Amino acid sequence: MHLDEFVRRRTEATDEFNRHEGRTDGVHVTTSLAGGLTILRDALYARLHDEVEMAVGRDSILMPVSPEKTERISKTEIEVFQAVVASAAAVGFGYVRDAAWCMAWLGRLRLGPTYDDARVLARAAHYASKSADQQRLAFTNVLADVLPESRRAPLVLFRLYPTAVQIATALAFGDQAKASSLRGRQLLDLPSIRDCHQCHGKLLDNGEACQVCGNPLWKFNWLVAAD
C-alpha cells in the first residue's frame, strides 16, 4: 500500500471515529489500534509460514503456485478475523456501543475498498455469527486450506492470537487493567512467556515487538514449549 493511501485511510478512520463516537481521541485510538493489528497480522503470517518452514522444512507438495497470491489471501483473511475479534472486544469491554459500525469501521481501516467486496463481507459475517471457540476453529480451517503448512504450527498459537487482538484493542482504548488481565490468560496457555530475558512477558505498546521472543505473538521456538 502506498504511503498516500495509508495516510488517507488513517485520516478518514480518525474523522469517522470522532464523529460517530463524539470523541476527540480518534488519532490515538486509530493509530494505536492500527499499529497493534499490523504487528499481529505480520507476526501470525510469519509464525504460520516462514517459521514453520524453518522449523520443520519445506514440503514441495505444499508449495503454492503463487507465493505472493497466497500471502495476500492469507493476510486478507487475517485482517477480516482481526476486525471481527477487535470489534467484539471493543463492544464487550464497553469502549463502543455499535458493533456493526465498529466492525465495518475496522474493516475499512484495515482493508480499504477491499472490505466492501461481497466475499470479504460474507467472511466477516460468517465469523461474527459464531462463538469465540467456533470462530477460532473456522479461522484455523480456512488458513489450513489457504496456507497448508499452517497445520504444522503449534496449536497454542491459535489460542494466543485472538487474545492478542483483544489486548491490542484494550491498549488502543487506554484500558491497561483489561490488557493486563488478558495477558494473564495468555500466561496460563504459555507460562514460558515470563522467561524472556528482554521483555519478561510484559505488555508492550501497540506497534512494538520483542526481538527475542516475539511478544505480542511468540515465535515458534517459544510456542513449542507448550505443546
C-alpha atoms as a PDB file:
ATOM      1  CA  MET A   1       0.000   0.000   0.000  1.00  0.00           C
ATOM      2  CA  HIS A   2       1.352   3.416  -0.961  1.00  0.00           C
ATOM      3  CA  LEU A   3       2.065   5.925   1.809  1.00  0.00           C
ATOM      4  CA  ASP A   4      -0.556   8.361   0.493  1.00  0.00           C
ATOM      5  CA  GLU A   5      -3.246   5.649   0.632  1.00  0.00           C
ATOM      6  CA  PHE A   6      -2.116   4.663   4.120  1.00  0.00           C
ATOM      7  CA  VAL A   7      -2.350   8.243   5.382  1.00  0.00           C
ATOM      8  CA  ARG A   8      -5.704   8.856   3.689  1.00  0.00           C
ATOM      9  CA  ARG A   9      -7.237   5.704   5.150  1.00  0.00           C
ATOM     10  CA  ARG A  10      -5.965   6.522   8.633  1.00  0.00           C
ATOM     11  CA  THR A  11      -7.233  10.103   8.413  1.00  0.00           C
ATOM     12  CA  GLU A  12     -10.686   9.046   7.238  1.00  0.00           C
ATOM     13  CA  ALA A  13     -10.919   6.456  10.008  1.00  0.00           C
ATOM     14  CA  THR A  14      -9.911   9.015  12.615  1.00  0.00           C
ATOM     15  CA  ASP A  15     -12.522  11.518  11.442  1.00  0.00           C
ATOM     16  CA  GLU A  16     -15.233   8.862  11.312  1.00  0.00           C
ATOM     17  CA  PHE A  17     -14.379   7.605  14.798  1.00  0.00           C
ATOM     18  CA  ASN A  18     -14.514  11.074  16.355  1.00  0.00           C
ATOM     19  CA  ARG A  19     -17.758  11.909  14.572  1.00  0.00           C
ATOM     20  CA  HIS A  20     -19.557   8.638  15.328  1.00  0.00           C
ATOM     21  CA  GLU A  21     -18.366   8.305  18.922  1.00  0.00           C
ATOM     22  CA  GLY A  22     -18.435  12.008  19.813  1.00  0.00           C
ATOM     23  CA  ARG A  23     -14.819  11.847  20.963  1.00  0.00           C
ATOM     24  CA  THR A  24     -11.618  13.722  20.291  1.00  0.00           C
ATOM     25  CA  ASP A  25      -9.029  10.972  20.765  1.00  0.00           C
ATOM     26  CA  GLY A  26      -9.541   9.322  17.392  1.00  0.00           C
ATOM     27  CA  VAL A  27      -5.942   9.913  16.313  1.00  0.00           C
ATOM     28  CA  HIS A  28      -4.589   7.961  19.266  1.00  0.00           C
ATOM     29  CA  VAL A  29      -7.160   5.144  19.085  1.00  0.00           C
ATOM     30  CA  THR A  30      -6.817   4.689  15.333  1.00  0.00           C
ATOM     31  CA  THR A  31      -3.034   4.929  15.251  1.00  0.00           C
ATOM     32  CA  SER A  32      -2.538   2.629  18.229  1.00  0.00           C
ATOM     33  CA  LEU A  33      -5.010   0.012  17.045  1.00  0.00           C
ATOM     34  CA  ALA A  34      -3.657   0.019  13.502  1.00  0.00           C
ATOM     35  CA  GLY A  35      -0.107  -0.365  14.787  1.00  0.00           C
ATOM     36  CA  GLY A  36      -1.049  -3.246  17.042  1.00  0.00           C
ATOM     37  CA  LEU A  37      -3.047  -5.091  14.402  1.00  0.00           C
ATOM     38  CA  THR A  38      -0.320  -4.701  11.786  1.00  0.00           C
ATOM     39  CA  ILE A  39       2.254  -6.236  14.116  1.00  0.00           C
ATOM     40  CA  LEU A  40      -0.087  -9.125  14.876  1.00  0.00           C
ATOM     41  CA  ARG A  41      -1.042  -9.752  11.236  1.00  0.00           C
ATOM     42  CA  ASP A  42       2.559  -9.904  10.085  1.00  0.00           C
ATOM     43  CA  ALA A  43       3.634 -11.947  13.096  1.00  0.00           C
ATOM     44  CA  LEU A  44       0.870 -14.510  12.608  1.00  0.00           C
ATOM     45  CA  TYR A  45       1.740 -14.961   8.952  1.00  0.00           C
ATOM     46  CA  ALA A  46       5.415 -15.373   9.850  1.00  0.00           C
ATOM     47  CA  ARG A  47       4.598 -17.953  12.524  1.00  0.00           C
ATOM     48  CA  LEU A  48       2.343 -19.950  10.192  1.00  0.00           C
ATOM     49  CA  HIS A  49       4.525 -19.797   7.092  1.00  0.00           C
ATOM     50  CA  ASP A  50       8.139 -18.686   7.472  1.00  0.00           C
ATOM     51  CA  GLU A  51       8.811 -20.161  10.900  1.00  0.00           C
ATOM     52  CA  VAL A  52       7.022 -23.445  10.220  1.00  0.00           C
ATOM     53  CA  GLU A  53       9.188 -23.914   7.139  1.00  0.00           C
ATOM     54  CA  MET A  54      12.337 -23.078   9.094  1.00  0.00           C
ATOM     55  CA  ALA A  55      11.393 -25.454  11.911  1.00  0.00           C
ATOM     56  CA  VAL A  56      10.060 -28.477  10.046  1.00  0.00           C
ATOM     57  CA  GLY A  57      11.260 -27.890   6.493  1.00  0.00           C
ATOM     58  CA  ARG A  58       9.545 -27.026   3.242  1.00  0.00           C
ATOM     59  CA  ASP A  59       7.262 -29.608   1.661  1.00  0.00           C
ATOM     60  CA  SER A  60       7.392 -29.223  -2.117  1.00  0.00           C
ATOM     61  CA  ILE A  61       3.932 -30.764  -2.379  1.00  0.00           C
ATOM     62  CA  LEU A  62       2.510 -27.898  -0.331  1.00  0.00           C
ATOM     63  CA  MET A  63       4.333 -25.106  -2.167  1.00  0.00           C
ATOM     64  CA  PRO A  64       1.814 -22.646  -3.674  1.00  0.00           C
ATOM     65  CA  VAL A  65       1.783 -21.823  -7.359  1.00  0.00           C
ATOM     66  CA  SER A  66       1.900 -18.116  -6.491  1.00  0.00           C
ATOM     67  CA  PRO A  67       3.529 -17.286  -3.129  1.00  0.00           C
ATOM     68  CA  GLU A  68       2.522 -13.639  -3.499  1.00  0.00           C
ATOM     69  CA  LYS A  69      -1.130 -14.519  -4.051  1.00  0.00           C
ATOM     70  CA  THR A  70      -1.088 -16.931  -1.130  1.00  0.00           C
ATOM     71  CA  GLU A  71       0.339 -14.281   1.175  1.00  0.00           C
ATOM     72  CA  ARG A  72      -2.221 -11.712   0.011  1.00  0.00           C
ATOM     73  CA  ILE A  73      -5.163 -14.082   0.532  1.00  0.00           C
ATOM     74  CA  SER A  74      -3.843 -15.219   3.909  1.00  0.00           C
ATOM     75  CA  LYS A  75      -3.307 -11.702   5.199  1.00  0.00           C
ATOM     76  CA  THR A  76      -6.735 -10.607   3.982  1.00  0.00           C
ATOM     77  CA  GLU A  77      -8.294 -13.480   5.935  1.00  0.00           C
ATOM     78  CA  ILE A  78      -6.262 -12.496   8.982  1.00  0.00           C
ATOM     79  CA  GLU A  79      -7.448  -8.896   8.666  1.00  0.00           C
ATOM     80  CA  VAL A  80     -11.093  -9.969   8.439  1.00  0.00           C
ATOM     81  CA  PHE A  81     -10.750 -12.158  11.517  1.00  0.00           C
ATOM     82  CA  GLN A  82      -8.979  -9.362  13.394  1.00  0.00           C
ATOM     83  CA  ALA A  83     -11.745  -6.906  12.579  1.00  0.00           C
ATOM     84  CA  VAL A  84     -14.363  -9.294  13.956  1.00  0.00           C
ATOM     85  CA  VAL A  85     -12.435 -10.089  17.144  1.00  0.00           C
ATOM     86  CA  ALA A  86     -11.373  -6.493  17.808  1.00  0.00           C
ATOM     87  CA  SER A  87     -14.843  -5.053  17.235  1.00  0.00           C
ATOM     88  CA  ALA A  88     -16.394  -7.666  19.530  1.00  0.00           C
ATOM     89  CA  ALA A  89     -13.813  -6.766  22.168  1.00  0.00           C
ATOM     90  CA  ALA A  90     -14.463  -3.034  21.765  1.00  0.00           C
ATOM     91  CA  VAL A  91     -18.165  -3.591  22.373  1.00  0.00           C
ATOM     92  CA  GLY A  92     -17.769  -6.266  25.021  1.00  0.00           C
ATOM     93  CA  PHE A  93     -15.323  -4.181  27.035  1.00  0.00           C
ATOM     94  CA  GLY A  94     -17.572  -1.130  26.811  1.00  0.00           C
ATOM     95  CA  TYR A  95     -15.441   1.089  24.585  1.00  0.00           C
ATOM     96  CA  VAL A  96     -18.080   1.497  21.856  1.00  0.00           C
ATOM     97  CA  ARG A  97     -21.765   0.554  21.602  1.00  0.00           C
ATOM     98  CA  ASP A  98     -22.398  -0.109  17.926  1.00  0.00           C
ATOM     99  CA  ALA A  99     -20.926  -3.499  16.981  1.00  0.00           C
ATOM    100  CA  ALA A 100     -21.934  -3.376  13.307  1.00  0.00           C
ATOM    101  CA  TRP A 101     -20.460   0.082  12.852  1.00  0.00           C
ATOM    102  CA  CYS A 102     -17.259  -0.838  14.675  1.00  0.00           C
ATOM    103  CA  MET A 103     -16.639  -3.942  12.568  1.00  0.00           C
ATOM    104  CA  ALA A 104     -17.212  -2.017   9.337  1.00  0.00           C
ATOM    105  CA  TRP A 105     -15.037   0.853  10.573  1.00  0.00           C
ATOM    106  CA  LEU A 106     -12.205  -1.512  11.403  1.00  0.00           C
ATOM    107  CA  GLY A 107     -12.632  -3.390   8.144  1.00  0.00           C
ATOM    108  CA  ARG A 108     -12.319  -0.206   6.110  1.00  0.00           C
ATOM    109  CA  LEU A 109      -9.356   0.944   8.190  1.00  0.00           C
ATOM    110  CA  ARG A 110      -7.507  -2.315   7.639  1.00  0.00           C
ATOM    111  CA  LEU A 111      -8.583  -3.267   4.115  1.00  0.00           C
ATOM    112  CA  GLY A 112      -9.902  -0.110   2.483  1.00  0.00           C
ATOM    113  CA  PRO A 113     -12.209  -0.759  -0.514  1.00  0.00           C
ATOM    114  CA  THR A 114     -11.390  -4.470  -0.350  1.00  0.00           C
ATOM    115  CA  TYR A 115     -13.554  -4.755   2.755  1.00  0.00           C
ATOM    116  CA  ASP A 116     -16.663  -3.893   0.712  1.00  0.00           C
ATOM    117  CA  ASP A 117     -16.131  -6.893  -1.577  1.00  0.00           C
ATOM    118  CA  ALA A 118     -19.103  -9.238  -1.207  1.00  0.00           C
ATOM    119  CA  ARG A 119     -16.868 -12.218  -0.423  1.00  0.00           C
ATOM    120  CA  VAL A 120     -14.985 -10.331   2.278  1.00  0.00           C
ATOM    121  CA  LEU A 121     -18.218  -9.099   3.855  1.00  0.00           C
ATOM    122  CA  ALA A 122     -19.527 -12.663   3.814  1.00  0.00           C
ATOM    123  CA  ARG A 123     -16.392 -13.882   5.582  1.00  0.00           C
ATOM    124  CA  ALA A 124     -16.780 -11.225   8.275  1.00  0.00           C
ATOM    125  CA  ALA A 125     -20.448 -12.081   8.771  1.00  0.00           C
ATOM    126  CA  HIS A 126     -19.560 -15.778   8.962  1.00  0.00           C
ATOM    127  CA  TYR A 127     -17.091 -15.220  11.794  1.00  0.00           C
ATOM    128  CA  ALA A 128     -19.323 -12.726  13.590  1.00  0.00           C
ATOM    129  CA  SER A 129     -22.177 -15.241  13.715  1.00  0.00           C
ATOM    130  CA  LYS A 130     -20.111 -17.734  15.722  1.00  0.00           C
ATOM    131  CA  SER A 131     -18.971 -18.100  19.304  1.00  0.00           C
ATOM    132  CA  ALA A 132     -15.336 -17.359  20.129  1.00  0.00           C
ATOM    133  CA  ASP A 133     -14.362 -21.053  20.030  1.00  0.00           C
ATOM    134  CA  GLN A 134     -16.231 -21.597  16.770  1.00  0.00           C
ATOM    135  CA  GLN A 135     -14.586 -18.503  15.285  1.00  0.00           C
ATOM    136  CA  ARG A 136     -11.150 -19.828  16.122  1.00  0.00           C
ATOM    137  CA  LEU A 137     -11.901 -23.240  14.634  1.00  0.00           C
ATOM    138  CA  ALA A 138     -13.347 -21.731  11.446  1.00  0.00           C
ATOM    139  CA  PHE A 139     -10.336 -19.427  11.112  1.00  0.00           C
ATOM    140  CA  THR A 140      -7.912 -22.317  11.619  1.00  0.00           C
ATOM    141  CA  ASN A 141      -9.699 -24.367   8.950  1.00  0.00           C
ATOM    142  CA  VAL A 142      -9.646 -21.552   6.395  1.00  0.00           C
ATOM    143  CA  LEU A 143      -5.947 -20.951   6.938  1.00  0.00           C
ATOM    144  CA  ALA A 144      -5.265 -24.672   6.577  1.00  0.00           C
ATOM    145  CA  ASP A 145      -6.834 -24.537   3.112  1.00  0.00           C
ATOM    146  CA  VAL A 146      -5.084 -21.336   2.038  1.00  0.00           C
ATOM    147  CA  LEU A 147      -1.797 -21.980   3.822  1.00  0.00           C
ATOM    148  CA  PRO A 148      -1.430 -25.774   4.251  1.00  0.00           C
ATOM    149  CA  GLU A 149       1.798 -25.511   6.237  1.00  0.00           C
ATOM    150  CA  SER A 150      -0.158 -23.730   8.973  1.00  0.00           C
ATOM    151  CA  ARG A 151      -1.383 -27.193  10.055  1.00  0.00           C
ATOM    152  CA  ARG A 152       2.075 -27.771  11.464  1.00  0.00           C
ATOM    153  CA  ALA A 153       2.042 -24.685  13.682  1.00  0.00           C
ATOM    154  CA  PRO A 154       1.795 -25.265  17.446  1.00  0.00           C
ATOM    155  CA  LEU A 155      -1.868 -25.325  18.442  1.00  0.00           C
ATOM    156  CA  VAL A 156      -1.283 -22.905  21.298  1.00  0.00           C
ATOM    157  CA  LEU A 157      -0.705 -20.177  18.703  1.00  0.00           C
ATOM    158  CA  PHE A 158      -4.394 -20.212  17.800  1.00  0.00           C
ATOM    159  CA  ARG A 159      -5.357 -19.789  21.452  1.00  0.00           C
ATOM    160  CA  LEU A 160      -2.943 -16.922  22.000  1.00  0.00           C
ATOM    161  CA  TYR A 161      -3.780 -14.984  18.862  1.00  0.00           C
ATOM    162  CA  PRO A 162      -7.409 -13.868  19.466  1.00  0.00           C
ATOM    163  CA  THR A 163      -6.435 -12.784  22.975  1.00  0.00           C
ATOM    164  CA  ALA A 164      -3.540 -10.812  21.482  1.00  0.00           C
ATOM    165  CA  VAL A 165      -6.049  -8.975  19.276  1.00  0.00           C
ATOM    166  CA  GLN A 166      -8.175  -8.236  22.341  1.00  0.00           C
ATOM    167  CA  ILE A 167      -5.106  -6.897  24.154  1.00  0.00           C
ATOM    168  CA  ALA A 168      -4.276  -4.601  21.234  1.00  0.00           C
ATOM    169  CA  THR A 169      -7.847  -3.318  21.366  1.00  0.00           C
ATOM    170  CA  ALA A 170      -7.721  -2.682  25.111  1.00  0.00           C
ATOM    171  CA  LEU A 171      -4.396  -0.857  24.794  1.00  0.00           C
ATOM    172  CA  ALA A 172      -5.717   1.323  21.974  1.00  0.00           C
ATOM    173  CA  PHE A 173      -8.538   2.460  24.253  1.00  0.00           C
ATOM    174  CA  GLY A 174      -6.199   3.029  27.186  1.00  0.00           C
ATOM    175  CA  ASP A 175      -7.528   0.132  29.284  1.00  0.00           C
ATOM    176  CA  GLN A 176      -4.311  -1.121  30.852  1.00  0.00           C
ATOM    177  CA  ALA A 177      -6.143  -3.150  33.502  1.00  0.00           C
ATOM    178  CA  LYS A 178      -8.075  -5.185  30.929  1.00  0.00           C
ATOM    179  CA  ALA A 179      -4.943  -5.695  28.841  1.00  0.00           C
ATOM    180  CA  SER A 180      -3.071  -6.970  31.912  1.00  0.00           C
ATOM    181  CA  SER A 181      -5.916  -9.351  32.741  1.00  0.00           C
ATOM    182  CA  LEU A 182      -5.842 -10.734  29.213  1.00  0.00           C
ATOM    183  CA  ARG A 183      -2.075 -11.191  29.365  1.00  0.00           C
ATOM    184  CA  GLY A 184      -2.670 -13.240  32.493  1.00  0.00           C
ATOM    185  CA  ARG A 185      -4.913 -15.507  30.431  1.00  0.00           C
ATOM    186  CA  GLN A 186      -2.110 -15.936  27.893  1.00  0.00           C
ATOM    187  CA  LEU A 187       0.308 -16.826  30.681  1.00  0.00           C
ATOM    188  CA  LEU A 188      -1.923 -19.764  31.549  1.00  0.00           C
ATOM    189  CA  ASP A 189      -1.614 -21.025  27.969  1.00  0.00           C
ATOM    190  CA  LEU A 190       2.114 -20.289  27.657  1.00  0.00           C
ATOM    191  CA  PRO A 191       3.853 -19.875  31.048  1.00  0.00           C
ATOM    192  CA  SER A 192       7.260 -19.554  29.379  1.00  0.00           C
ATOM    193  CA  ILE A 193       6.240 -16.041  28.284  1.00  0.00           C
ATOM    194  CA  ARG A 194       7.825 -14.808  31.526  1.00  0.00           C
ATOM    195  CA  ASP A 195      11.189 -16.381  30.689  1.00  0.00           C
ATOM    196  CA  CYS A 196      12.203 -13.882  28.006  1.00  0.00           C
ATOM    197  CA  HIS A 197      15.298 -12.071  29.304  1.00  0.00           C
ATOM    198  CA  GLN A 198      14.458  -8.969  27.280  1.00  0.00           C
ATOM    199  CA  CYS A 199      10.733  -8.260  27.824  1.00  0.00           C
ATOM    200  CA  HIS A 200       9.899 -10.735  30.631  1.00  0.00           C
ATOM    201  CA  GLY A 201       6.457 -11.195  29.077  1.00  0.00           C
ATOM    202  CA  LYS A 202       5.367  -7.668  29.912  1.00  0.00           C
ATOM    203  CA  LEU A 203       2.772  -5.791  27.882  1.00  0.00           C
ATOM    204  CA  LEU A 204       4.286  -3.778  25.046  1.00  0.00           C
ATOM    205  CA  ASP A 205       2.806  -0.698  23.440  1.00  0.00           C
ATOM    206  CA  ASN A 206       0.853  -1.348  20.261  1.00  0.00           C
ATOM    207  CA  GLY A 207       3.211  -1.431  17.308  1.00  0.00           C
ATOM    208  CA  GLU A 208       6.140  -2.741  19.360  1.00  0.00           C
ATOM    209  CA  ALA A 209       7.508  -6.283  19.390  1.00  0.00           C
ATOM    210  CA  CYS A 210      10.184  -8.094  21.362  1.00  0.00           C
ATOM    211  CA  GLN A 211      13.034  -9.150  19.089  1.00  0.00           C
ATOM    212  CA  VAL A 212      13.894 -12.087  21.329  1.00  0.00           C
ATOM    213  CA  CYS A 213      10.594 -13.895  21.938  1.00  0.00           C
ATOM    214  CA  GLY A 214       8.208 -12.184  19.506  1.00  0.00           C
ATOM    215  CA  ASN A 215       5.856 -10.712  22.160  1.00  0.00           C
ATOM    216  CA  PRO A 216       2.963  -9.833  21.493  1.00  0.00           C
ATOM    217  CA  LEU A 217       2.805 -13.087  19.442  1.00  0.00           C
ATOM    218  CA  TRP A 218       5.528 -15.540  20.330  1.00  0.00           C
ATOM    219  CA  LYS A 219       7.968 -17.153  17.958  1.00  0.00           C
ATOM    220  CA  PHE A 220       7.857 -20.821  17.012  1.00  0.00           C
ATOM    221  CA  ASN A 221      10.579 -21.952  19.433  1.00  0.00           C
ATOM    222  CA  TRP A 222       8.682 -20.351  22.331  1.00  0.00           C
ATOM    223  CA  LEU A 223       5.361 -21.822  21.240  1.00  0.00           C
ATOM    224  CA  VAL A 224       6.598 -25.418  21.165  1.00  0.00           C
ATOM    225  CA  ALA A 225       7.363 -25.178  24.878  1.00  0.00           C
ATOM    226  CA  ALA A 226       3.605 -25.544  25.425  1.00  0.00           C
ATOM    227  CA  ASP A 227       2.986 -28.418  23.009  1.00  0.00           C
END
